[in-house]
N, C-alpha and C. Protein backbone atom coordinates (compact mmCIF):
# COMPACT_ATOMS: atom_id res chain seq x y z
N UNK A 1 -17.17 14.82 -3.46
CA UNK A 1 -16.03 14.00 -3.82
C UNK A 1 -15.81 12.95 -2.73
N UNK A 2 -15.51 11.75 -3.16
CA UNK A 2 -15.23 10.65 -2.24
C UNK A 2 -13.85 10.84 -1.61
N UNK A 3 -13.72 10.47 -0.35
CA UNK A 3 -12.43 10.53 0.35
C UNK A 3 -12.23 9.26 1.17
N UNK A 4 -10.99 9.01 1.52
CA UNK A 4 -10.64 7.93 2.44
C UNK A 4 -10.55 8.55 3.83
N UNK A 5 -11.37 8.09 4.74
CA UNK A 5 -11.41 8.69 6.08
C UNK A 5 -10.32 8.09 6.98
N UNK A 6 -10.02 8.81 8.04
CA UNK A 6 -9.07 8.31 9.03
C UNK A 6 -9.58 7.01 9.63
N UNK A 7 -10.85 6.93 9.93
CA UNK A 7 -11.43 5.72 10.52
C UNK A 7 -11.22 4.53 9.57
N UNK A 8 -11.43 4.73 8.30
CA UNK A 8 -11.23 3.66 7.32
C UNK A 8 -9.75 3.26 7.24
N UNK A 9 -8.88 4.26 7.22
CA UNK A 9 -7.44 3.99 7.17
C UNK A 9 -7.00 3.20 8.39
N UNK A 10 -7.51 3.57 9.55
CA UNK A 10 -7.17 2.86 10.78
C UNK A 10 -7.67 1.42 10.74
N UNK A 11 -8.85 1.20 10.17
CA UNK A 11 -9.39 -0.16 10.06
C UNK A 11 -8.49 -1.02 9.17
N UNK A 12 -8.00 -0.44 8.09
CA UNK A 12 -7.11 -1.18 7.19
C UNK A 12 -5.80 -1.53 7.91
N UNK A 13 -5.22 -0.57 8.60
CA UNK A 13 -3.97 -0.80 9.32
C UNK A 13 -4.17 -1.88 10.40
N UNK A 14 -5.23 -1.78 11.15
CA UNK A 14 -5.51 -2.76 12.20
C UNK A 14 -5.65 -4.16 11.62
N UNK A 15 -6.34 -4.28 10.51
CA UNK A 15 -6.54 -5.58 9.87
C UNK A 15 -5.21 -6.20 9.43
N UNK A 16 -4.37 -5.39 8.82
CA UNK A 16 -3.06 -5.87 8.37
C UNK A 16 -2.21 -6.31 9.56
N UNK A 17 -2.14 -5.47 10.59
CA UNK A 17 -1.31 -5.80 11.75
C UNK A 17 -1.80 -7.05 12.48
N UNK A 18 -3.11 -7.22 12.56
CA UNK A 18 -3.64 -8.42 13.22
C UNK A 18 -3.26 -9.67 12.42
N UNK A 19 -3.46 -9.64 11.12
CA UNK A 19 -3.14 -10.80 10.29
C UNK A 19 -1.64 -11.11 10.34
N UNK A 20 -0.82 -10.07 10.27
CA UNK A 20 0.63 -10.27 10.30
C UNK A 20 1.10 -10.78 11.66
N UNK A 21 0.46 -10.35 12.71
CA UNK A 21 0.81 -10.80 14.04
C UNK A 21 0.36 -12.24 14.27
N UNK A 22 -0.84 -12.55 13.80
CA UNK A 22 -1.41 -13.89 14.01
C UNK A 22 -0.65 -14.98 13.25
N UNK A 23 -0.09 -14.65 12.10
CA UNK A 23 0.55 -15.70 11.30
C UNK A 23 2.00 -15.98 11.72
N UNK A 24 2.55 -15.14 12.61
CA UNK A 24 3.88 -15.40 13.15
C UNK A 24 5.03 -15.12 12.20
N UNK A 25 4.75 -14.48 11.07
CA UNK A 25 5.81 -14.15 10.12
C UNK A 25 6.62 -12.94 10.55
N UNK A 26 7.50 -12.51 9.67
CA UNK A 26 8.34 -11.34 9.95
C UNK A 26 7.47 -10.10 10.18
N UNK A 27 7.96 -9.18 11.00
CA UNK A 27 7.20 -7.94 11.25
C UNK A 27 7.10 -7.08 9.99
N UNK A 28 5.99 -6.38 9.88
CA UNK A 28 5.74 -5.54 8.71
C UNK A 28 5.45 -4.10 9.12
N UNK A 29 5.54 -3.25 8.12
CA UNK A 29 5.08 -1.86 8.23
C UNK A 29 3.91 -1.71 7.28
N UNK A 30 2.94 -0.89 7.66
CA UNK A 30 1.78 -0.65 6.81
C UNK A 30 1.49 0.85 6.77
N UNK A 31 1.24 1.34 5.57
CA UNK A 31 0.93 2.76 5.37
C UNK A 31 -0.35 2.89 4.56
N UNK A 32 -1.15 3.87 4.91
CA UNK A 32 -2.35 4.20 4.14
C UNK A 32 -2.26 5.67 3.80
N UNK A 33 -2.43 5.97 2.51
CA UNK A 33 -2.34 7.34 2.03
C UNK A 33 -3.65 7.76 1.38
N UNK A 34 -3.83 9.07 1.24
CA UNK A 34 -5.01 9.59 0.57
C UNK A 34 -4.77 9.67 -0.94
N UNK A 35 -5.69 10.24 -1.66
CA UNK A 35 -5.64 10.32 -3.12
C UNK A 35 -4.37 11.02 -3.60
N UNK A 36 -3.87 11.98 -2.86
CA UNK A 36 -2.66 12.71 -3.24
C UNK A 36 -1.38 11.99 -2.85
N UNK A 37 -1.51 10.88 -2.15
CA UNK A 37 -0.35 10.14 -1.69
C UNK A 37 0.17 10.60 -0.34
N UNK A 38 -0.59 11.46 0.34
CA UNK A 38 -0.19 11.93 1.66
C UNK A 38 -0.62 10.93 2.72
N UNK A 39 0.23 10.72 3.70
CA UNK A 39 0.02 9.73 4.74
C UNK A 39 -1.21 10.07 5.58
N UNK A 40 -2.09 9.07 5.76
CA UNK A 40 -3.27 9.20 6.60
C UNK A 40 -3.06 8.40 7.89
N UNK A 41 -2.49 7.19 7.74
CA UNK A 41 -2.28 6.34 8.90
C UNK A 41 -1.09 5.42 8.62
N UNK A 42 -0.27 5.20 9.65
CA UNK A 42 0.93 4.37 9.50
C UNK A 42 1.20 3.65 10.82
N UNK A 43 1.67 2.42 10.70
CA UNK A 43 2.13 1.68 11.88
C UNK A 43 3.13 0.64 11.45
N UNK A 44 4.00 0.29 12.37
CA UNK A 44 4.94 -0.80 12.11
C UNK A 44 5.00 -1.68 13.34
N UNK A 45 5.16 -2.96 13.08
CA UNK A 45 5.28 -3.92 14.17
C UNK A 45 6.64 -3.78 14.83
N UNK A 46 6.74 -4.17 16.07
CA UNK A 46 8.03 -4.19 16.74
C UNK A 46 8.99 -5.04 15.91
N UNK A 47 10.16 -4.52 15.67
CA UNK A 47 11.16 -5.25 14.91
C UNK A 47 11.12 -5.03 13.41
N UNK A 48 10.15 -4.26 12.93
CA UNK A 48 10.09 -3.96 11.49
C UNK A 48 11.32 -3.15 11.10
N UNK A 49 11.87 -3.45 9.94
CA UNK A 49 13.08 -2.75 9.50
C UNK A 49 12.78 -1.31 9.10
N UNK A 50 13.79 -0.49 9.18
CA UNK A 50 13.67 0.90 8.73
C UNK A 50 13.30 0.91 7.25
N UNK A 51 13.92 0.03 6.50
CA UNK A 51 13.67 -0.07 5.05
C UNK A 51 12.19 -0.36 4.78
N UNK A 52 11.60 -1.26 5.57
CA UNK A 52 10.19 -1.62 5.33
C UNK A 52 9.26 -0.43 5.57
N UNK A 53 9.64 0.44 6.46
CA UNK A 53 8.81 1.62 6.74
C UNK A 53 8.69 2.50 5.51
N UNK A 54 9.83 2.80 4.90
CA UNK A 54 9.83 3.66 3.72
C UNK A 54 9.18 2.95 2.53
N UNK A 55 9.48 1.66 2.37
CA UNK A 55 8.89 0.91 1.25
C UNK A 55 7.36 0.87 1.36
N UNK A 56 6.83 0.68 2.57
CA UNK A 56 5.37 0.62 2.70
C UNK A 56 4.74 1.95 2.28
N UNK A 57 5.36 3.05 2.65
CA UNK A 57 4.85 4.36 2.25
C UNK A 57 4.94 4.57 0.75
N UNK A 58 6.04 4.13 0.15
CA UNK A 58 6.21 4.29 -1.30
C UNK A 58 5.25 3.41 -2.08
N UNK A 59 5.00 2.21 -1.59
CA UNK A 59 4.05 1.32 -2.26
C UNK A 59 2.64 1.92 -2.21
N UNK A 60 2.24 2.44 -1.05
CA UNK A 60 0.93 3.06 -0.92
C UNK A 60 0.85 4.30 -1.81
N UNK A 61 1.91 5.10 -1.81
CA UNK A 61 1.95 6.30 -2.64
C UNK A 61 1.75 5.94 -4.11
N UNK A 62 2.48 4.94 -4.58
CA UNK A 62 2.39 4.53 -5.98
C UNK A 62 0.97 4.09 -6.33
N UNK A 63 0.37 3.29 -5.47
CA UNK A 63 -0.98 2.79 -5.73
C UNK A 63 -1.99 3.93 -5.87
N UNK A 64 -1.84 4.96 -5.06
CA UNK A 64 -2.75 6.11 -5.14
C UNK A 64 -2.39 7.02 -6.31
N UNK A 65 -1.15 7.37 -6.43
CA UNK A 65 -0.68 8.35 -7.42
C UNK A 65 -0.83 7.83 -8.85
N UNK A 66 -0.50 6.55 -9.05
CA UNK A 66 -0.58 5.97 -10.39
C UNK A 66 -1.94 5.31 -10.65
N UNK A 67 -2.78 5.26 -9.62
CA UNK A 67 -4.13 4.69 -9.71
C UNK A 67 -4.11 3.25 -10.18
N UNK A 68 -3.10 2.51 -9.70
CA UNK A 68 -3.01 1.08 -9.97
C UNK A 68 -2.10 0.46 -8.92
N UNK A 69 -2.29 -0.81 -8.68
CA UNK A 69 -1.47 -1.49 -7.69
C UNK A 69 0.00 -1.37 -8.06
N UNK A 70 0.86 -1.24 -7.06
CA UNK A 70 2.28 -1.00 -7.32
C UNK A 70 2.92 -2.12 -8.14
N UNK A 71 2.54 -3.37 -7.88
CA UNK A 71 3.09 -4.48 -8.64
C UNK A 71 2.65 -4.47 -10.09
N UNK A 72 1.39 -4.08 -10.33
CA UNK A 72 0.90 -3.95 -11.71
C UNK A 72 1.66 -2.85 -12.44
N UNK A 73 1.94 -1.78 -11.73
CA UNK A 73 2.73 -0.70 -12.31
C UNK A 73 4.13 -1.21 -12.66
N UNK A 74 4.72 -2.00 -11.76
CA UNK A 74 6.04 -2.58 -12.01
C UNK A 74 6.05 -3.47 -13.24
N UNK A 75 4.99 -4.26 -13.40
CA UNK A 75 4.88 -5.12 -14.59
C UNK A 75 4.82 -4.28 -15.86
N UNK A 76 4.07 -3.18 -15.80
CA UNK A 76 3.97 -2.32 -16.99
C UNK A 76 5.32 -1.68 -17.32
N UNK A 77 6.12 -1.39 -16.29
CA UNK A 77 7.46 -0.84 -16.55
C UNK A 77 8.32 -1.88 -17.27
N UNK A 78 8.21 -3.13 -16.85
CA UNK A 78 8.99 -4.19 -17.48
C UNK A 78 8.61 -4.37 -18.95
N UNK A 79 7.35 -4.10 -19.26
CA UNK A 79 6.85 -4.28 -20.63
C UNK A 79 6.97 -3.03 -21.49
N UNK A 80 7.51 -1.95 -20.93
CA UNK A 80 7.65 -0.70 -21.69
C UNK A 80 9.13 -0.33 -21.78
N UNK A 81 9.38 0.76 -22.41
CA UNK A 81 10.76 1.24 -22.51
C UNK A 81 11.05 2.30 -21.46
N UNK A 82 10.19 2.41 -20.47
CA UNK A 82 10.34 3.42 -19.43
C UNK A 82 10.86 2.81 -18.14
N UNK A 83 11.44 3.68 -17.31
CA UNK A 83 11.80 3.30 -15.95
C UNK A 83 10.94 4.16 -15.02
N UNK A 84 10.94 3.84 -13.75
CA UNK A 84 10.17 4.63 -12.79
C UNK A 84 10.64 6.08 -12.78
N UNK A 85 11.92 6.31 -13.07
CA UNK A 85 12.46 7.67 -13.11
C UNK A 85 11.74 8.55 -14.12
N UNK A 86 11.23 7.95 -15.17
CA UNK A 86 10.56 8.70 -16.24
C UNK A 86 9.38 9.49 -15.69
N UNK A 87 8.76 9.02 -14.61
CA UNK A 87 7.58 9.65 -14.05
C UNK A 87 7.91 10.85 -13.15
N UNK A 88 9.19 11.07 -12.88
CA UNK A 88 9.62 12.28 -12.19
C UNK A 88 9.34 12.34 -10.71
N UNK A 89 9.09 11.21 -10.09
CA UNK A 89 8.83 11.23 -8.66
C UNK A 89 9.58 10.06 -8.02
N UNK A 90 10.53 10.34 -7.15
CA UNK A 90 11.34 9.26 -6.57
C UNK A 90 10.58 8.32 -5.64
N UNK A 91 9.36 8.66 -5.28
CA UNK A 91 8.57 7.79 -4.40
C UNK A 91 7.89 6.66 -5.15
N UNK A 92 7.84 6.75 -6.46
CA UNK A 92 7.17 5.72 -7.26
C UNK A 92 8.01 4.45 -7.27
N UNK A 93 7.34 3.31 -7.06
CA UNK A 93 8.01 2.01 -7.06
C UNK A 93 7.15 0.98 -7.79
N UNK A 94 7.80 0.00 -8.35
CA UNK A 94 7.11 -1.09 -9.00
C UNK A 94 7.08 -2.35 -8.15
N UNK A 95 7.48 -2.25 -6.91
CA UNK A 95 7.53 -3.41 -6.02
C UNK A 95 6.10 -3.76 -5.55
N UNK A 96 5.68 -5.02 -5.70
CA UNK A 96 4.34 -5.40 -5.24
C UNK A 96 4.16 -5.19 -3.74
N UNK A 97 2.91 -4.92 -3.36
CA UNK A 97 2.58 -4.71 -1.95
C UNK A 97 1.79 -3.44 -1.72
N UNK A 98 1.52 -2.69 -2.80
CA UNK A 98 0.69 -1.50 -2.71
C UNK A 98 -0.59 -1.71 -3.50
N UNK A 99 -1.74 -1.45 -2.87
CA UNK A 99 -3.02 -1.62 -3.54
C UNK A 99 -3.79 -0.30 -3.56
N UNK A 100 -4.52 -0.10 -4.63
CA UNK A 100 -5.31 1.12 -4.80
C UNK A 100 -6.64 0.98 -4.07
N UNK A 101 -7.05 2.05 -3.40
CA UNK A 101 -8.34 2.10 -2.72
C UNK A 101 -9.28 2.96 -3.57
N UNK A 102 -10.43 2.38 -3.90
CA UNK A 102 -11.41 3.10 -4.72
C UNK A 102 -12.77 3.12 -4.03
N UNK A 103 -13.48 4.22 -4.26
CA UNK A 103 -14.88 4.34 -3.86
C UNK A 103 -15.62 4.80 -5.10
N UNK A 104 -16.66 4.08 -5.46
CA UNK A 104 -17.44 4.43 -6.65
C UNK A 104 -16.54 4.64 -7.86
N UNK A 105 -15.59 3.76 -8.06
CA UNK A 105 -14.64 3.79 -9.18
C UNK A 105 -13.73 5.01 -9.18
N UNK A 106 -13.65 5.72 -8.06
CA UNK A 106 -12.78 6.88 -7.93
C UNK A 106 -11.65 6.52 -6.96
N UNK A 107 -10.42 6.74 -7.36
CA UNK A 107 -9.28 6.46 -6.49
C UNK A 107 -9.27 7.44 -5.32
N UNK A 108 -9.28 6.88 -4.10
CA UNK A 108 -9.27 7.72 -2.90
C UNK A 108 -8.01 7.50 -2.06
N UNK A 109 -7.16 6.53 -2.44
CA UNK A 109 -5.96 6.31 -1.67
C UNK A 109 -5.25 5.04 -2.04
N UNK A 110 -4.32 4.65 -1.16
CA UNK A 110 -3.55 3.44 -1.36
C UNK A 110 -3.14 2.85 -0.03
N UNK A 111 -2.93 1.54 -0.03
CA UNK A 111 -2.44 0.82 1.14
C UNK A 111 -1.15 0.13 0.73
N UNK A 112 -0.11 0.30 1.53
CA UNK A 112 1.17 -0.33 1.24
C UNK A 112 1.66 -1.13 2.43
N UNK A 113 2.19 -2.33 2.15
CA UNK A 113 2.73 -3.20 3.19
C UNK A 113 4.13 -3.62 2.76
N UNK A 114 5.05 -3.65 3.72
CA UNK A 114 6.41 -4.11 3.43
C UNK A 114 7.01 -4.78 4.65
N UNK A 115 7.95 -5.68 4.39
CA UNK A 115 8.65 -6.37 5.46
C UNK A 115 8.82 -7.85 5.19
N UNK A 116 8.08 -8.33 4.22
CA UNK A 116 8.12 -9.74 3.86
C UNK A 116 8.34 -9.85 2.35
N UNK A 117 8.43 -11.08 1.84
CA UNK A 117 8.49 -11.21 0.37
C UNK A 117 7.27 -10.53 -0.27
N UNK A 118 7.46 -10.02 -1.47
CA UNK A 118 6.43 -9.21 -2.12
C UNK A 118 5.06 -9.87 -2.18
N UNK A 119 5.01 -11.16 -2.44
CA UNK A 119 3.71 -11.85 -2.52
C UNK A 119 2.98 -11.80 -1.18
N UNK A 120 3.71 -11.92 -0.09
CA UNK A 120 3.10 -11.84 1.24
C UNK A 120 2.67 -10.41 1.55
N UNK A 121 3.51 -9.44 1.18
CA UNK A 121 3.14 -8.04 1.38
C UNK A 121 1.83 -7.73 0.65
N UNK A 122 1.73 -8.21 -0.59
CA UNK A 122 0.52 -7.97 -1.39
C UNK A 122 -0.70 -8.63 -0.75
N UNK A 123 -0.55 -9.85 -0.28
CA UNK A 123 -1.66 -10.54 0.37
C UNK A 123 -2.14 -9.77 1.60
N UNK A 124 -1.21 -9.27 2.39
CA UNK A 124 -1.58 -8.49 3.58
C UNK A 124 -2.25 -7.17 3.19
N UNK A 125 -1.73 -6.50 2.16
CA UNK A 125 -2.35 -5.25 1.71
C UNK A 125 -3.79 -5.48 1.25
N UNK A 126 -4.01 -6.60 0.59
CA UNK A 126 -5.38 -6.93 0.14
C UNK A 126 -6.30 -7.22 1.32
N UNK A 127 -5.75 -7.77 2.40
CA UNK A 127 -6.55 -7.96 3.62
C UNK A 127 -6.94 -6.60 4.20
N UNK A 128 -6.03 -5.65 4.15
CA UNK A 128 -6.35 -4.29 4.60
C UNK A 128 -7.44 -3.68 3.75
N UNK A 129 -7.37 -3.89 2.45
CA UNK A 129 -8.39 -3.38 1.54
C UNK A 129 -9.75 -4.02 1.84
N UNK A 130 -9.75 -5.32 2.11
CA UNK A 130 -10.98 -6.04 2.40
C UNK A 130 -11.65 -5.57 3.71
N UNK A 131 -10.86 -4.95 4.59
CA UNK A 131 -11.40 -4.44 5.86
C UNK A 131 -12.20 -3.16 5.68
N UNK A 132 -12.08 -2.53 4.51
CA UNK A 132 -12.81 -1.28 4.27
C UNK A 132 -14.24 -1.59 3.88
N UNK A 133 -15.19 -0.79 4.36
CA UNK A 133 -16.62 -1.07 4.13
C UNK A 133 -16.98 -1.23 2.65
N UNK A 134 -16.34 -0.49 1.78
CA UNK A 134 -16.69 -0.55 0.36
C UNK A 134 -16.08 -1.75 -0.33
N UNK A 135 -15.22 -2.49 0.36
CA UNK A 135 -14.56 -3.65 -0.23
C UNK A 135 -14.86 -4.94 0.53
N UNK A 136 -15.33 -4.85 1.76
CA UNK A 136 -15.49 -6.02 2.61
C UNK A 136 -16.69 -6.86 2.29
């Protein structure tokens, strides 16, 4: 079975933090979770809000647990008669910024970024994904 390794998770976090630091924008939090949504690696920049810490974890959780990017999941909620509550897990969110990590078409985890507008969070999360050997 494919897994997301600690080394890979650390590479994703490092990539996100470097990009976020280099561009001079607001500080972010980044979380990487495994297939079950359990935290593998987490970091936040100095000055990142408490709220961004939890949101980054929830975005990563959603991407892994629902096997789709958190923003795509949010769009599907808008187009259905369901709310996130219907899924029975308070960690699920439809806020963009969480991306699914796959190896050989198998979901192995998620990366979540928070602290900036959703489009920027998503862009940074995709940079973290691109840092992984199977995506780079």
